[in-house]
Amino acid sequence: MYKQLKNVTFIQAAISTFDGDCFFSQASDRASSMTKERKRKGDVGIHCVDLLKFLQHHVKPQDLVVLKMDIERAEFDIVSELLAYPAAARLIDEMMIECHHKETYEQGPHEYKECVDMFRRLQAAGIWMHEWF
């Protein structure tokens, strides 16, 4: 569907903190995860794109950038890296994140209060932030 739209670039890849191959576990909805190394039998290889590098090379400040992130417990790593580079973070106008945590998703090690803290740090960086379920 996205490939048909004008002025849209569709990249079939997962976002990460690095460029290259990564692996997605299809164990179950609650146990799925994305890793740099194959950890379990049945992991599926996918291409990962470094979000920070992508933003810096492909996005202009005048572009409208809306990002929906559901990346199976990798959101904390990506957001931490993004917030370390405020100029890149400001290239994102609006963000929706499904934050995986112990209380709702039974997926540690993070707790919901850490998700709220991450959302507030993104808002402080100037990103219109929404929690996504």
N, C-alpha and C. Protein backbone atom coordinates (compact mmCIF):
# COMPACT_ATOMS: atom_id res chain seq x y z
N MET A 1 0.81 -1.19 0.00
CA MET A 1 0.00 0.00 0.00
C MET A 1 0.87 1.27 0.00
N TYR A 2 1.91 1.32 0.84
CA TYR A 2 2.73 2.52 0.95
C TYR A 2 3.55 2.77 -0.32
N LYS A 3 3.92 1.72 -0.99
CA LYS A 3 4.73 1.87 -2.20
C LYS A 3 4.01 2.65 -3.28
N GLN A 4 2.69 2.68 -3.24
CA GLN A 4 1.89 3.35 -4.25
C GLN A 4 1.74 4.86 -4.00
N LEU A 5 2.06 5.32 -2.81
CA LEU A 5 1.83 6.72 -2.45
C LEU A 5 2.92 7.63 -2.99
N LYS A 6 2.50 8.82 -3.44
CA LYS A 6 3.46 9.81 -3.92
C LYS A 6 4.11 10.47 -2.72
N ASN A 7 5.35 10.88 -2.89
CA ASN A 7 6.12 11.58 -1.85
C ASN A 7 6.31 10.74 -0.60
N VAL A 8 6.26 9.43 -0.72
CA VAL A 8 6.50 8.53 0.40
C VAL A 8 7.63 7.58 0.01
N THR A 9 8.60 7.45 0.89
CA THR A 9 9.66 6.48 0.67
C THR A 9 9.41 5.33 1.63
N PHE A 10 9.20 4.16 1.08
CA PHE A 10 8.95 2.97 1.90
C PHE A 10 10.23 2.17 1.99
N ILE A 11 10.69 1.92 3.21
CA ILE A 11 11.89 1.13 3.43
C ILE A 11 11.49 -0.06 4.28
N GLN A 12 11.61 -1.23 3.73
CA GLN A 12 11.22 -2.43 4.45
C GLN A 12 12.39 -2.89 5.31
N ALA A 13 12.39 -2.38 6.56
CA ALA A 13 13.47 -2.69 7.50
C ALA A 13 12.97 -2.37 8.90
N ALA A 14 13.71 -2.86 9.86
CA ALA A 14 13.43 -2.54 11.26
C ALA A 14 14.36 -1.40 11.66
N ILE A 15 13.91 -0.52 12.55
CA ILE A 15 14.81 0.52 13.03
C ILE A 15 15.59 -0.02 14.21
N SER A 16 16.80 0.49 14.34
CA SER A 16 17.69 0.01 15.37
C SER A 16 18.71 1.09 15.69
N THR A 17 19.75 0.72 16.43
CA THR A 17 20.85 1.63 16.71
C THR A 17 22.05 1.31 15.83
N PHE A 18 21.85 0.49 14.80
CA PHE A 18 22.93 0.12 13.89
C PHE A 18 22.34 -0.25 12.53
N ASP A 19 23.17 -0.19 11.51
CA ASP A 19 22.82 -0.68 10.18
C ASP A 19 23.33 -2.10 10.04
N GLY A 20 22.53 -2.97 9.45
CA GLY A 20 22.99 -4.34 9.21
C GLY A 20 21.91 -5.36 9.49
N ASP A 21 22.33 -6.59 9.58
CA ASP A 21 21.39 -7.67 9.82
C ASP A 21 21.03 -7.74 11.30
N CYS A 22 19.78 -8.08 11.56
CA CYS A 22 19.33 -8.34 12.93
C CYS A 22 18.28 -9.46 12.84
N PHE A 23 17.84 -9.90 13.99
CA PHE A 23 16.97 -11.06 14.03
C PHE A 23 15.76 -10.79 14.90
N PHE A 24 14.62 -11.24 14.41
CA PHE A 24 13.36 -11.05 15.11
C PHE A 24 12.84 -12.40 15.55
N SER A 25 12.56 -12.49 16.84
CA SER A 25 12.03 -13.73 17.40
C SER A 25 10.53 -13.79 17.17
N GLN A 26 10.05 -14.89 16.71
CA GLN A 26 8.62 -15.08 16.50
C GLN A 26 8.04 -16.01 17.56
N ALA A 27 8.68 -16.08 18.72
CA ALA A 27 8.28 -17.01 19.76
C ALA A 27 6.81 -16.85 20.13
N SER A 28 6.39 -15.64 20.43
CA SER A 28 5.00 -15.34 20.76
C SER A 28 4.87 -13.84 20.85
N ASP A 29 3.64 -13.35 20.92
CA ASP A 29 3.44 -11.92 21.06
C ASP A 29 4.14 -11.37 22.29
N ARG A 30 4.08 -12.08 23.39
CA ARG A 30 4.66 -11.57 24.64
C ARG A 30 6.15 -11.82 24.75
N ALA A 31 6.68 -12.75 24.00
CA ALA A 31 8.10 -13.07 24.14
C ALA A 31 8.91 -12.61 22.93
N SER A 32 8.31 -11.91 22.00
CA SER A 32 9.04 -11.52 20.80
C SER A 32 10.07 -10.45 21.15
N SER A 33 11.15 -10.45 20.39
CA SER A 33 12.21 -9.47 20.60
C SER A 33 13.04 -9.37 19.34
N MET A 34 13.84 -8.30 19.26
CA MET A 34 14.73 -8.09 18.15
C MET A 34 16.15 -8.01 18.70
N THR A 35 17.08 -8.73 18.08
CA THR A 35 18.46 -8.77 18.56
C THR A 35 19.44 -8.69 17.40
N LYS A 36 20.67 -8.38 17.74
CA LYS A 36 21.73 -8.30 16.73
C LYS A 36 22.24 -9.68 16.34
N GLU A 37 22.09 -10.64 17.23
CA GLU A 37 22.55 -12.01 16.96
C GLU A 37 21.36 -12.97 16.98
N ARG A 38 21.46 -14.04 16.20
CA ARG A 38 20.43 -15.08 16.22
C ARG A 38 20.52 -15.78 17.57
N LYS A 39 19.42 -15.77 18.33
CA LYS A 39 19.44 -16.35 19.67
C LYS A 39 18.64 -17.64 19.78
N ARG A 40 17.63 -17.79 18.95
CA ARG A 40 16.76 -18.96 19.06
C ARG A 40 16.53 -19.57 17.69
N LYS A 41 16.26 -20.84 17.71
CA LYS A 41 15.87 -21.51 16.47
C LYS A 41 14.56 -20.87 16.02
N GLY A 42 14.45 -20.56 14.77
CA GLY A 42 13.24 -19.95 14.25
C GLY A 42 13.31 -18.43 14.17
N ASP A 43 14.40 -17.81 14.67
CA ASP A 43 14.55 -16.37 14.53
C ASP A 43 14.61 -16.02 13.04
N VAL A 44 14.00 -14.92 12.67
CA VAL A 44 13.94 -14.48 11.28
C VAL A 44 14.91 -13.33 11.06
N GLY A 45 15.75 -13.47 10.07
CA GLY A 45 16.69 -12.40 9.73
C GLY A 45 16.00 -11.27 9.00
N ILE A 46 16.28 -10.05 9.41
CA ILE A 46 15.73 -8.86 8.77
C ILE A 46 16.84 -7.83 8.65
N HIS A 47 16.60 -6.81 7.86
CA HIS A 47 17.58 -5.73 7.73
C HIS A 47 17.22 -4.64 8.73
N CYS A 48 18.22 -4.15 9.45
CA CYS A 48 18.02 -3.06 10.41
C CYS A 48 18.66 -1.79 9.88
N VAL A 49 18.00 -0.67 10.17
CA VAL A 49 18.47 0.64 9.78
C VAL A 49 18.67 1.47 11.04
N ASP A 50 19.83 2.10 11.15
CA ASP A 50 20.14 2.98 12.27
C ASP A 50 19.25 4.22 12.16
N LEU A 51 18.32 4.39 13.08
CA LEU A 51 17.37 5.50 13.01
C LEU A 51 18.07 6.84 13.06
N LEU A 52 19.01 7.00 13.95
CA LEU A 52 19.73 8.28 14.09
C LEU A 52 20.43 8.64 12.79
N LYS A 53 21.16 7.70 12.22
CA LYS A 53 21.87 7.95 10.96
C LYS A 53 20.89 8.24 9.82
N PHE A 54 19.78 7.49 9.79
CA PHE A 54 18.78 7.71 8.75
C PHE A 54 18.23 9.14 8.83
N LEU A 55 17.86 9.56 10.02
CA LEU A 55 17.33 10.92 10.19
C LEU A 55 18.33 11.97 9.74
N GLN A 56 19.58 11.82 10.16
CA GLN A 56 20.61 12.80 9.84
C GLN A 56 20.90 12.89 8.34
N HIS A 57 20.73 11.78 7.61
CA HIS A 57 21.07 11.76 6.19
C HIS A 57 19.88 11.98 5.26
N HIS A 58 18.66 11.77 5.73
CA HIS A 58 17.52 11.79 4.82
C HIS A 58 16.41 12.78 5.17
N VAL A 59 16.49 13.41 6.31
CA VAL A 59 15.39 14.27 6.75
C VAL A 59 15.88 15.71 6.87
N LYS A 60 15.06 16.62 6.36
CA LYS A 60 15.35 18.04 6.48
C LYS A 60 14.45 18.62 7.58
N PRO A 61 14.88 19.68 8.24
CA PRO A 61 14.07 20.26 9.32
C PRO A 61 12.65 20.63 8.89
N GLN A 62 12.44 20.98 7.65
CA GLN A 62 11.11 21.37 7.19
C GLN A 62 10.20 20.18 6.88
N ASP A 63 10.75 18.96 6.86
CA ASP A 63 9.94 17.76 6.62
C ASP A 63 9.04 17.47 7.81
N LEU A 64 7.89 16.91 7.54
CA LEU A 64 7.00 16.43 8.60
C LEU A 64 7.34 14.97 8.84
N VAL A 65 7.78 14.65 10.05
CA VAL A 65 8.18 13.29 10.38
C VAL A 65 7.31 12.78 11.52
N VAL A 66 6.54 11.72 11.22
CA VAL A 66 5.71 11.05 12.22
C VAL A 66 6.24 9.63 12.32
N LEU A 67 6.55 9.21 13.54
CA LEU A 67 7.17 7.92 13.74
C LEU A 67 6.33 7.10 14.71
N LYS A 68 5.94 5.90 14.29
CA LYS A 68 5.26 4.96 15.19
C LYS A 68 6.26 3.85 15.49
N MET A 69 6.48 3.63 16.78
CA MET A 69 7.51 2.69 17.18
C MET A 69 6.91 1.56 18.02
N ASP A 70 6.98 0.35 17.50
CA ASP A 70 6.61 -0.86 18.22
C ASP A 70 7.71 -1.86 17.88
N ILE A 71 8.77 -1.83 18.67
CA ILE A 71 9.97 -2.57 18.28
C ILE A 71 10.44 -3.55 19.35
N GLU A 72 9.47 -4.12 20.03
CA GLU A 72 9.73 -5.28 20.89
C GLU A 72 10.90 -5.11 21.85
N ARG A 73 10.80 -4.16 22.72
CA ARG A 73 11.75 -3.91 23.81
C ARG A 73 13.03 -3.21 23.38
N ALA A 74 13.16 -2.81 22.14
CA ALA A 74 14.34 -2.07 21.70
C ALA A 74 14.12 -0.56 21.80
N GLU A 75 12.91 -0.14 22.17
CA GLU A 75 12.60 1.29 22.21
C GLU A 75 13.49 2.07 23.18
N PHE A 76 13.86 1.48 24.31
CA PHE A 76 14.69 2.19 25.28
C PHE A 76 16.08 2.49 24.71
N ASP A 77 16.67 1.55 24.00
CA ASP A 77 17.99 1.77 23.39
C ASP A 77 17.92 2.86 22.32
N ILE A 78 16.92 2.78 21.47
CA ILE A 78 16.81 3.74 20.37
C ILE A 78 16.51 5.14 20.89
N VAL A 79 15.59 5.26 21.83
CA VAL A 79 15.25 6.58 22.36
C VAL A 79 16.44 7.18 23.10
N SER A 80 17.17 6.38 23.86
CA SER A 80 18.36 6.89 24.57
C SER A 80 19.38 7.44 23.59
N GLU A 81 19.62 6.71 22.50
CA GLU A 81 20.57 7.18 21.50
C GLU A 81 20.06 8.44 20.82
N LEU A 82 18.80 8.46 20.51
CA LEU A 82 18.19 9.62 19.85
C LEU A 82 18.30 10.87 20.73
N LEU A 83 18.00 10.73 22.02
CA LEU A 83 18.03 11.88 22.91
C LEU A 83 19.45 12.37 23.19
N ALA A 84 20.44 11.54 22.92
CA ALA A 84 21.83 11.96 23.07
C ALA A 84 22.23 12.92 21.95
N TYR A 85 21.42 13.00 20.89
CA TYR A 85 21.67 13.88 19.75
C TYR A 85 20.44 14.75 19.52
N PRO A 86 20.29 15.84 20.29
CA PRO A 86 19.07 16.67 20.22
C PRO A 86 18.74 17.19 18.83
N ALA A 87 19.74 17.50 18.03
CA ALA A 87 19.46 18.01 16.68
C ALA A 87 18.74 16.95 15.85
N ALA A 88 19.11 15.70 16.01
CA ALA A 88 18.44 14.61 15.29
C ALA A 88 17.05 14.37 15.87
N ALA A 89 16.92 14.41 17.20
CA ALA A 89 15.62 14.21 17.83
C ALA A 89 14.62 15.25 17.36
N ARG A 90 15.08 16.49 17.18
CA ARG A 90 14.17 17.57 16.76
C ARG A 90 13.69 17.40 15.32
N LEU A 91 14.27 16.48 14.57
CA LEU A 91 13.79 16.21 13.21
C LEU A 91 12.47 15.42 13.24
N ILE A 92 12.15 14.82 14.39
CA ILE A 92 10.89 14.08 14.53
C ILE A 92 9.84 15.03 15.11
N ASP A 93 8.71 15.15 14.42
CA ASP A 93 7.65 16.05 14.86
C ASP A 93 6.70 15.36 15.84
N GLU A 94 6.36 14.14 15.54
CA GLU A 94 5.38 13.42 16.35
C GLU A 94 5.80 11.96 16.45
N MET A 95 5.59 11.39 17.64
CA MET A 95 6.03 10.03 17.86
C MET A 95 4.99 9.27 18.66
N MET A 96 4.73 8.02 18.27
CA MET A 96 3.86 7.12 19.01
C MET A 96 4.71 5.90 19.37
N ILE A 97 4.73 5.55 20.65
CA ILE A 97 5.57 4.44 21.09
C ILE A 97 4.74 3.45 21.89
N GLU A 98 4.86 2.17 21.52
CA GLU A 98 4.38 1.11 22.38
C GLU A 98 5.57 0.75 23.26
N CYS A 99 5.46 1.08 24.53
CA CYS A 99 6.56 0.85 25.47
C CYS A 99 6.33 -0.47 26.20
N HIS A 100 7.23 -1.39 26.02
CA HIS A 100 7.12 -2.71 26.63
C HIS A 100 7.67 -2.68 28.05
N HIS A 101 6.85 -3.14 29.00
CA HIS A 101 7.24 -3.08 30.41
C HIS A 101 6.59 -4.23 31.18
N LYS A 102 7.02 -4.40 32.42
CA LYS A 102 6.58 -5.52 33.25
C LYS A 102 5.08 -5.52 33.53
N GLU A 103 4.55 -4.36 33.89
CA GLU A 103 3.19 -4.32 34.42
C GLU A 103 2.11 -4.71 33.41
N THR A 104 2.22 -4.24 32.18
CA THR A 104 1.18 -4.54 31.19
C THR A 104 1.57 -5.70 30.29
N TYR A 105 2.80 -5.72 29.85
CA TYR A 105 3.21 -6.70 28.85
C TYR A 105 3.97 -7.88 29.44
N GLU A 106 4.23 -7.84 30.74
CA GLU A 106 5.00 -8.88 31.41
C GLU A 106 6.36 -9.05 30.74
N GLN A 107 6.90 -7.93 30.25
CA GLN A 107 8.19 -7.96 29.58
C GLN A 107 9.14 -6.99 30.28
N GLY A 108 10.02 -7.53 31.09
CA GLY A 108 11.02 -6.71 31.76
C GLY A 108 12.19 -6.47 30.84
N PRO A 109 13.15 -5.79 31.31
CA PRO A 109 13.39 -5.43 32.70
C PRO A 109 12.75 -4.09 33.10
N HIS A 110 12.14 -3.39 32.16
CA HIS A 110 11.65 -2.03 32.45
C HIS A 110 10.29 -2.04 33.11
N GLU A 111 10.07 -0.99 33.92
CA GLU A 111 8.78 -0.78 34.56
C GLU A 111 8.07 0.37 33.87
N TYR A 112 6.76 0.46 34.09
CA TYR A 112 5.98 1.49 33.42
C TYR A 112 6.47 2.90 33.76
N LYS A 113 6.92 3.13 35.00
CA LYS A 113 7.40 4.46 35.37
C LYS A 113 8.60 4.86 34.51
N GLU A 114 9.38 3.89 34.03
CA GLU A 114 10.49 4.19 33.13
C GLU A 114 9.97 4.61 31.75
N CYS A 115 8.85 4.03 31.33
CA CYS A 115 8.22 4.44 30.08
C CYS A 115 7.76 5.90 30.18
N VAL A 116 7.09 6.22 31.29
CA VAL A 116 6.60 7.59 31.49
C VAL A 116 7.77 8.57 31.48
N ASP A 117 8.86 8.20 32.12
CA ASP A 117 10.05 9.06 32.13
C ASP A 117 10.58 9.25 30.71
N MET A 118 10.61 8.18 29.92
CA MET A 118 11.08 8.27 28.54
C MET A 118 10.17 9.20 27.73
N PHE A 119 8.85 9.08 27.91
CA PHE A 119 7.90 9.94 27.21
C PHE A 119 8.14 11.40 27.56
N ARG A 120 8.35 11.67 28.83
CA ARG A 120 8.58 13.06 29.28
C ARG A 120 9.88 13.63 28.71
N ARG A 121 10.91 12.80 28.63
CA ARG A 121 12.18 13.27 28.05
C ARG A 121 12.01 13.58 26.56
N LEU A 122 11.22 12.78 25.87
CA LEU A 122 10.94 13.05 24.45
C LEU A 122 10.16 14.35 24.30
N GLN A 123 9.17 14.56 25.14
CA GLN A 123 8.40 15.81 25.11
C GLN A 123 9.29 17.01 25.39
N ALA A 124 10.19 16.87 26.37
CA ALA A 124 11.11 17.96 26.69
C ALA A 124 12.05 18.27 25.52
N ALA A 125 12.31 17.27 24.68
CA ALA A 125 13.15 17.45 23.50
C ALA A 125 12.38 18.08 22.35
N GLY A 126 11.08 18.32 22.55
CA GLY A 126 10.29 18.98 21.51
C GLY A 126 9.51 18.05 20.61
N ILE A 127 9.37 16.80 20.99
CA ILE A 127 8.63 15.83 20.17
C ILE A 127 7.23 15.67 20.75
N TRP A 128 6.22 15.80 19.90
CA TRP A 128 4.84 15.58 20.31
C TRP A 128 4.69 14.08 20.50
N MET A 129 4.51 13.63 21.72
CA MET A 129 4.64 12.24 22.11
C MET A 129 3.30 11.63 22.51
N HIS A 130 3.04 10.40 22.05
CA HIS A 130 1.83 9.66 22.42
C HIS A 130 2.23 8.24 22.80
N GLU A 131 1.53 7.71 23.79
CA GLU A 131 1.72 6.30 24.11
C GLU A 131 0.81 5.49 23.19
N TRP A 132 1.32 4.39 22.69
CA TRP A 132 0.58 3.55 21.74
C TRP A 132 0.44 2.16 22.33
N PHE A 133 -0.75 1.58 22.22
CA PHE A 133 -0.97 0.21 22.71
C PHE A 133 -1.32 -0.69 21.56
